[in-house]
């Protein structure tokens, strides 16, 4: 995980991953389109970017299978 992520961000990432690949991929797509992500609304924009980057890296592993 990125060293600048807060504990709350890491917990949120873990919770989002529990929703499954389809939901996480949709969230990533929505974020890339500039759509508001309700689950991330309490985070600063810079941390949202880190969270999306982290989710993208995690999903890269799963999308290869």
PDB file of N, CA and C in Angstrom:
ATOM      1  N   UNK A   1       0.830  -1.188   0.000  1.00  0.00           N
ATOM      2  CA  UNK A   1       0.000   0.000   0.000  1.00  0.00           C
ATOM      3  C   UNK A   1       0.876   1.253   0.000  1.00  0.00           C
ATOM      4  N   UNK A   2       0.326   2.285  -0.550  1.00  0.00           N
ATOM      5  CA  UNK A   2       1.033   3.562  -0.620  1.00  0.00           C
ATOM      6  C   UNK A   2       1.298   4.076   0.795  1.00  0.00           C
ATOM      7  N   UNK A   3       2.499   4.524   1.082  1.00  0.00           N
ATOM      8  CA  UNK A   3       2.843   4.953   2.449  1.00  0.00           C
ATOM      9  C   UNK A   3       2.097   6.199   2.925  1.00  0.00           C
ATOM     10  N   UNK A   4       1.558   6.987   2.013  1.00  0.00           N
ATOM     11  CA  UNK A   4       0.853   8.203   2.411  1.00  0.00           C
ATOM     12  C   UNK A   4      -0.631   7.992   2.708  1.00  0.00           C
ATOM     13  N   UNK A   5      -1.089   6.757   2.586  1.00  0.00           N
ATOM     14  CA  UNK A   5      -2.494   6.484   2.878  1.00  0.00           C
ATOM     15  C   UNK A   5      -2.729   6.458   4.379  1.00  0.00           C
ATOM     16  N   UNK A   6      -3.796   7.096   4.801  1.00  0.00           N
ATOM     17  CA  UNK A   6      -4.159   7.082   6.215  1.00  0.00           C
ATOM     18  C   UNK A   6      -4.752   5.728   6.579  1.00  0.00           C
ATOM     19  N   UNK A   7      -4.818   5.474   7.872  1.00  0.00           N
ATOM     20  CA  UNK A   7      -5.427   4.226   8.334  1.00  0.00           C
ATOM     21  C   UNK A   7      -6.885   4.156   7.885  1.00  0.00           C
ATOM     22  N   UNK A   8      -7.567   5.281   7.923  1.00  0.00           N
ATOM     23  CA  UNK A   8      -8.973   5.324   7.484  1.00  0.00           C
ATOM     24  C   UNK A   8      -9.089   5.000   5.993  1.00  0.00           C
ATOM     25  N   UNK A   9      -8.155   5.487   5.191  1.00  0.00           N
ATOM     26  CA  UNK A   9      -8.159   5.194   3.758  1.00  0.00           C
ATOM     27  C   UNK A   9      -7.923   3.708   3.518  1.00  0.00           C
ATOM     28  N   UNK A  10      -7.004   3.121   4.250  1.00  0.00           N
ATOM     29  CA  UNK A  10      -6.714   1.690   4.100  1.00  0.00           C
ATOM     30  C   UNK A  10      -7.936   0.866   4.486  1.00  0.00           C
ATOM     31  N   UNK A  11      -8.595   1.250   5.563  1.00  0.00           N
ATOM     32  CA  UNK A  11      -9.812   0.551   5.982  1.00  0.00           C
ATOM     33  C   UNK A  11     -10.888   0.666   4.906  1.00  0.00           C
ATOM     34  N   UNK A  12     -11.006   1.842   4.305  1.00  0.00           N
ATOM     35  CA  UNK A  12     -11.988   2.045   3.234  1.00  0.00           C
ATOM     36  C   UNK A  12     -11.657   1.185   2.027  1.00  0.00           C
ATOM     37  N   UNK A  13     -10.399   1.119   1.656  1.00  0.00           N
ATOM     38  CA  UNK A  13      -9.966   0.270   0.534  1.00  0.00           C
ATOM     39  C   UNK A  13     -10.339  -1.177   0.809  1.00  0.00           C
ATOM     40  N   UNK A  14     -10.055  -1.648   1.998  1.00  0.00           N
ATOM     41  CA  UNK A  14     -10.380  -3.036   2.354  1.00  0.00           C
ATOM     42  C   UNK A  14     -11.883  -3.276   2.282  1.00  0.00           C
ATOM     43  N   UNK A  15     -12.666  -2.324   2.763  1.00  0.00           N
ATOM     44  CA  UNK A  15     -14.126  -2.462   2.717  1.00  0.00           C
ATOM     45  C   UNK A  15     -14.639  -2.478   1.280  1.00  0.00           C
ATOM     46  N   UNK A  16     -14.083  -1.617   0.454  1.00  0.00           N
ATOM     47  CA  UNK A  16     -14.493  -1.582  -0.951  1.00  0.00           C
ATOM     48  C   UNK A  16     -14.135  -2.883  -1.658  1.00  0.00           C
ATOM     49  N   UNK A  17     -12.973  -3.426  -1.348  1.00  0.00           N
ATOM     50  CA  UNK A  17     -12.560  -4.687  -1.976  1.00  0.00           C
ATOM     51  C   UNK A  17     -13.482  -5.836  -1.597  1.00  0.00           C
ATOM     52  N   UNK A  18     -14.051  -5.770  -0.407  1.00  0.00           N
ATOM     53  CA  UNK A  18     -14.986  -6.809   0.031  1.00  0.00           C
ATOM     54  C   UNK A  18     -16.263  -6.813  -0.804  1.00  0.00           C
ATOM     55  N   UNK A  19     -16.531  -5.721  -1.522  1.00  0.00           N
ATOM     56  CA  UNK A  19     -17.715  -5.649  -2.378  1.00  0.00           C
ATOM     57  C   UNK A  19     -17.569  -6.502  -3.633  1.00  0.00           C
ATOM     58  N   UNK A  20     -16.330  -6.829  -3.980  1.00  0.00           N
ATOM     59  CA  UNK A  20     -16.081  -7.672  -5.146  1.00  0.00           C
ATOM     60  C   UNK A  20     -15.515  -6.901  -6.319  1.00  0.00           C
ATOM     61  N   UNK A  21     -14.968  -7.662  -7.251  1.00  0.00           N
ATOM     62  CA  UNK A  21     -14.269  -7.088  -8.404  1.00  0.00           C
ATOM     63  C   UNK A  21     -15.169  -6.201  -9.260  1.00  0.00           C
ATOM     64  N   UNK A  22     -16.380  -6.636  -9.513  1.00  0.00           N
ATOM     65  CA  UNK A  22     -17.275  -5.870 -10.379  1.00  0.00           C
ATOM     66  C   UNK A  22     -17.542  -4.490  -9.794  1.00  0.00           C
ATOM     67  N   UNK A  23     -17.819  -4.444  -8.498  1.00  0.00           N
ATOM     68  CA  UNK A  23     -18.109  -3.169  -7.848  1.00  0.00           C
ATOM     69  C   UNK A  23     -16.883  -2.265  -7.833  1.00  0.00           C
ATOM     70  N   UNK A  24     -15.727  -2.830  -7.551  1.00  0.00           N
ATOM     71  CA  UNK A  24     -14.500  -2.030  -7.500  1.00  0.00           C
ATOM     72  C   UNK A  24     -14.162  -1.499  -8.888  1.00  0.00           C
ATOM     73  N   UNK A  25     -14.281  -2.338  -9.901  1.00  0.00           N
ATOM     74  CA  UNK A  25     -14.015  -1.879 -11.268  1.00  0.00           C
ATOM     75  C   UNK A  25     -14.971  -0.759 -11.665  1.00  0.00           C
ATOM     76  N   UNK A  26     -16.237  -0.858 -11.258  1.00  0.00           N
ATOM     77  CA  UNK A  26     -17.211   0.185 -11.559  1.00  0.00           C
ATOM     78  C   UNK A  26     -16.837   1.481 -10.850  1.00  0.00           C
ATOM     79  N   UNK A  27     -16.415   1.366  -9.608  1.00  0.00           N
ATOM     80  CA  UNK A  27     -15.994   2.540  -8.839  1.00  0.00           C
ATOM     81  C   UNK A  27     -14.805   3.217  -9.513  1.00  0.00           C
ATOM     82  N   UNK A  28     -13.837   2.427  -9.945  1.00  0.00           N
ATOM     83  CA  UNK A  28     -12.662   2.976 -10.636  1.00  0.00           C
ATOM     84  C   UNK A  28     -13.087   3.680 -11.919  1.00  0.00           C
ATOM     85  N   UNK A  29     -13.955   3.036 -12.692  1.00  0.00           N
ATOM     86  CA  UNK A  29     -14.440   3.649 -13.937  1.00  0.00           C
ATOM     87  C   UNK A  29     -15.163   4.960 -13.663  1.00  0.00           C
ATOM     88  N   UNK A  30     -16.012   4.953 -12.646  1.00  0.00           N
ATOM     89  CA  UNK A  30     -16.742   6.178 -12.290  1.00  0.00           C
ATOM     90  C   UNK A  30     -15.776   7.292 -11.896  1.00  0.00           C
ATOM     91  N   UNK A  31     -14.778   6.947 -11.098  1.00  0.00           N
ATOM     92  CA  UNK A  31     -13.802   7.950 -10.660  1.00  0.00           C
ATOM     93  C   UNK A  31     -13.038   8.520 -11.845  1.00  0.00           C
ATOM     94  N   UNK A  32     -12.649   7.672 -12.768  1.00  0.00           N
ATOM     95  CA  UNK A  32     -11.903   8.136 -13.941  1.00  0.00           C
ATOM     96  C   UNK A  32     -12.756   9.032 -14.831  1.00  0.00           C
ATOM     97  N   UNK A  33     -14.077   8.854 -14.777  1.00  0.00           N
ATOM     98  CA  UNK A  33     -14.998   9.693 -15.550  1.00  0.00           C
ATOM     99  C   UNK A  33     -15.319  10.990 -14.823  1.00  0.00           C
ATOM    100  N   UNK A  34     -14.781  11.124 -13.608  1.00  0.00           N
ATOM    101  CA  UNK A  34     -15.011  12.344 -12.848  1.00  0.00           C
ATOM    102  C   UNK A  34     -16.276  12.326 -12.014  1.00  0.00           C
ATOM    103  N   UNK A  35     -16.920  11.170 -11.927  1.00  0.00           N
ATOM    104  CA  UNK A  35     -18.135  11.057 -11.128  1.00  0.00           C
ATOM    105  C   UNK A  35     -17.810  11.050  -9.639  1.00  0.00           C
ATOM    106  N   UNK A  36     -18.721  11.581  -8.849  1.00  0.00           N
ATOM    107  CA  UNK A  36     -18.546  11.595  -7.400  1.00  0.00           C
ATOM    108  C   UNK A  36     -18.716  10.171  -6.862  1.00  0.00           C
ATOM    109  N   UNK A  37     -17.816   9.778  -5.988  1.00  0.00           N
ATOM    110  CA  UNK A  37     -17.864   8.458  -5.369  1.00  0.00           C
ATOM    111  C   UNK A  37     -18.310   8.656  -3.919  1.00  0.00           C
ATOM    112  N   UNK A  38     -19.530   8.244  -3.624  1.00  0.00           N
ATOM    113  CA  UNK A  38     -20.088   8.477  -2.288  1.00  0.00           C
ATOM    114  C   UNK A  38     -19.221   7.894  -1.184  1.00  0.00           C
ATOM    115  N   UNK A  39     -18.678   6.716  -1.405  1.00  0.00           N
ATOM    116  CA  UNK A  39     -17.866   6.047  -0.378  1.00  0.00           C
ATOM    117  C   UNK A  39     -16.586   6.814  -0.059  1.00  0.00           C
ATOM    118  N   UNK A  40     -16.203   7.731  -0.947  1.00  0.00           N
ATOM    119  CA  UNK A  40     -14.960   8.487  -0.763  1.00  0.00           C
ATOM    120  C   UNK A  40     -15.209   9.973  -0.518  1.00  0.00           C
ATOM    121  N   UNK A  41     -16.455  10.339  -0.300  1.00  0.00           N
ATOM    122  CA  UNK A  41     -16.806  11.757  -0.192  1.00  0.00           C
ATOM    123  C   UNK A  41     -16.196  12.458   1.025  1.00  0.00           C
ATOM    124  N   UNK A  42     -15.807  11.706   2.042  1.00  0.00           N
ATOM    125  CA  UNK A  42     -15.219  12.315   3.245  1.00  0.00           C
ATOM    126  C   UNK A  42     -13.713  12.536   3.141  1.00  0.00           C
ATOM    127  N   UNK A  43     -13.122  12.137   2.019  1.00  0.00           N
ATOM    128  CA  UNK A  43     -11.679  12.259   1.837  1.00  0.00           C
ATOM    129  C   UNK A  43     -11.341  13.488   0.998  1.00  0.00           C
ATOM    130  N   UNK A  44     -10.156  14.031   1.232  1.00  0.00           N
ATOM    131  CA  UNK A  44      -9.628  15.114   0.395  1.00  0.00           C
ATOM    132  C   UNK A  44      -9.348  14.557  -1.007  1.00  0.00           C
ATOM    133  N   UNK A  45      -9.377  15.427  -1.996  1.00  0.00           N
ATOM    134  CA  UNK A  45      -9.164  15.010  -3.384  1.00  0.00           C
ATOM    135  C   UNK A  45      -7.848  14.265  -3.571  1.00  0.00           C
ATOM    136  N   UNK A  46      -6.797  14.723  -2.901  1.00  0.00           N
ATOM    137  CA  UNK A  46      -5.490  14.068  -3.054  1.00  0.00           C
ATOM    138  C   UNK A  46      -5.523  12.640  -2.522  1.00  0.00           C
ATOM    139  N   UNK A  47      -6.250  12.431  -1.428  1.00  0.00           N
ATOM    140  CA  UNK A  47      -6.325  11.073  -0.885  1.00  0.00           C
ATOM    141  C   UNK A  47      -7.252  10.196  -1.719  1.00  0.00           C
ATOM    142  N   UNK A  48      -8.296  10.772  -2.282  1.00  0.00           N
ATOM    143  CA  UNK A  48      -9.168  10.012  -3.192  1.00  0.00           C
ATOM    144  C   UNK A  48      -8.332   9.489  -4.356  1.00  0.00           C
ATOM    145  N   UNK A  49      -7.470  10.340  -4.867  1.00  0.00           N
ATOM    146  CA  UNK A  49      -6.603   9.932  -5.983  1.00  0.00           C
ATOM    147  C   UNK A  49      -5.707   8.761  -5.571  1.00  0.00           C
ATOM    148  N   UNK A  50      -5.142   8.828  -4.379  1.00  0.00           N
ATOM    149  CA  UNK A  50      -4.309   7.726  -3.884  1.00  0.00           C
ATOM    150  C   UNK A  50      -5.132   6.443  -3.712  1.00  0.00           C
ATOM    151  N   UNK A  51      -6.342   6.582  -3.204  1.00  0.00           N
ATOM    152  CA  UNK A  51      -7.212   5.412  -3.013  1.00  0.00           C
ATOM    153  C   UNK A  51      -7.546   4.780  -4.353  1.00  0.00           C
ATOM    154  N   UNK A  52      -7.907   5.591  -5.322  1.00  0.00           N
ATOM    155  CA  UNK A  52      -8.233   5.065  -6.660  1.00  0.00           C
ATOM    156  C   UNK A  52      -7.005   4.401  -7.284  1.00  0.00           C
ATOM    157  N   UNK A  53      -5.851   5.016  -7.127  1.00  0.00           N
ATOM    158  CA  UNK A  53      -4.616   4.414  -7.637  1.00  0.00           C
ATOM    159  C   UNK A  53      -4.363   3.055  -6.980  1.00  0.00           C
ATOM    160  N   UNK A  54      -4.562   2.992  -5.681  1.00  0.00           N
ATOM    161  CA  UNK A  54      -4.350   1.737  -4.951  1.00  0.00           C
ATOM    162  C   UNK A  54      -5.344   0.672  -5.410  1.00  0.00           C
ATOM    163  N   UNK A  55      -6.601   1.043  -5.555  1.00  0.00           N
ATOM    164  CA  UNK A  55      -7.607   0.088  -6.035  1.00  0.00           C
ATOM    165  C   UNK A  55      -7.275  -0.395  -7.442  1.00  0.00           C
ATOM    166  N   UNK A  56      -6.793   0.515  -8.265  1.00  0.00           N
ATOM    167  CA  UNK A  56      -6.410   0.145  -9.637  1.00  0.00           C
ATOM    168  C   UNK A  56      -5.275  -0.873  -9.623  1.00  0.00           C
ATOM    169  N   UNK A  57      -4.289  -0.656  -8.769  1.00  0.00           N
ATOM    170  CA  UNK A  57      -3.172  -1.607  -8.658  1.00  0.00           C
ATOM    171  C   UNK A  57      -3.655  -2.967  -8.158  1.00  0.00           C
ATOM    172  N   UNK A  58      -4.537  -2.950  -7.182  1.00  0.00           N
ATOM    173  CA  UNK A  58      -5.081  -4.212  -6.654  1.00  0.00           C
ATOM    174  C   UNK A  58      -5.840  -4.948  -7.749  1.00  0.00           C
ATOM    175  N   UNK A  59      -6.660  -4.234  -8.500  1.00  0.00           N
ATOM    176  CA  UNK A  59      -7.483  -4.878  -9.524  1.00  0.00           C
ATOM    177  C   UNK A  59      -6.655  -5.377 -10.698  1.00  0.00           C
ATOM    178  N   UNK A  60      -5.492  -4.802 -10.926  1.00  0.00           N
ATOM    179  CA  UNK A  60      -4.607  -5.275 -11.986  1.00  0.00           C
ATOM    180  C   UNK A  60      -4.268  -6.747 -11.776  1.00  0.00           C
ATOM    181  N   UNK A  61      -4.058  -7.107 -10.534  1.00  0.00           N
ATOM    182  CA  UNK A  61      -3.740  -8.504 -10.202  1.00  0.00           C
ATOM    183  C   UNK A  61      -4.918  -9.409 -10.549  1.00  0.00           C
ATOM    184  N   UNK A  62      -6.127  -9.005 -10.170  1.00  0.00           N
ATOM    185  CA  UNK A  62      -7.309  -9.828 -10.396  1.00  0.00           C
ATOM    186  C   UNK A  62      -7.735  -9.852 -11.847  1.00  0.00           C
ATOM    187  N   UNK A  63      -7.548  -8.749 -12.563  1.00  0.00           N
ATOM    188  CA  UNK A  63      -7.959  -8.679 -13.947  1.00  0.00           C
ATOM    189  C   UNK A  63      -7.065  -9.497 -14.869  1.00  0.00           C
ATOM    190  N   UNK A  64      -5.881  -9.897 -14.398  1.00  0.00           N
ATOM    191  CA  UNK A  64      -4.989 -10.733 -15.204  1.00  0.00           C
ATOM    192  C   UNK A  64      -5.457 -12.166 -15.246  1.00  0.00           C
ATOM    193  N   UNK A  65      -6.226 -12.561 -14.239  1.00  0.00           N
ATOM    194  CA  UNK A  65      -6.658 -13.971 -14.145  1.00  0.00           C
ATOM    195  C   UNK A  65      -7.750 -14.286 -15.119  1.00  0.00           C
TER     196      UNK A  65
END
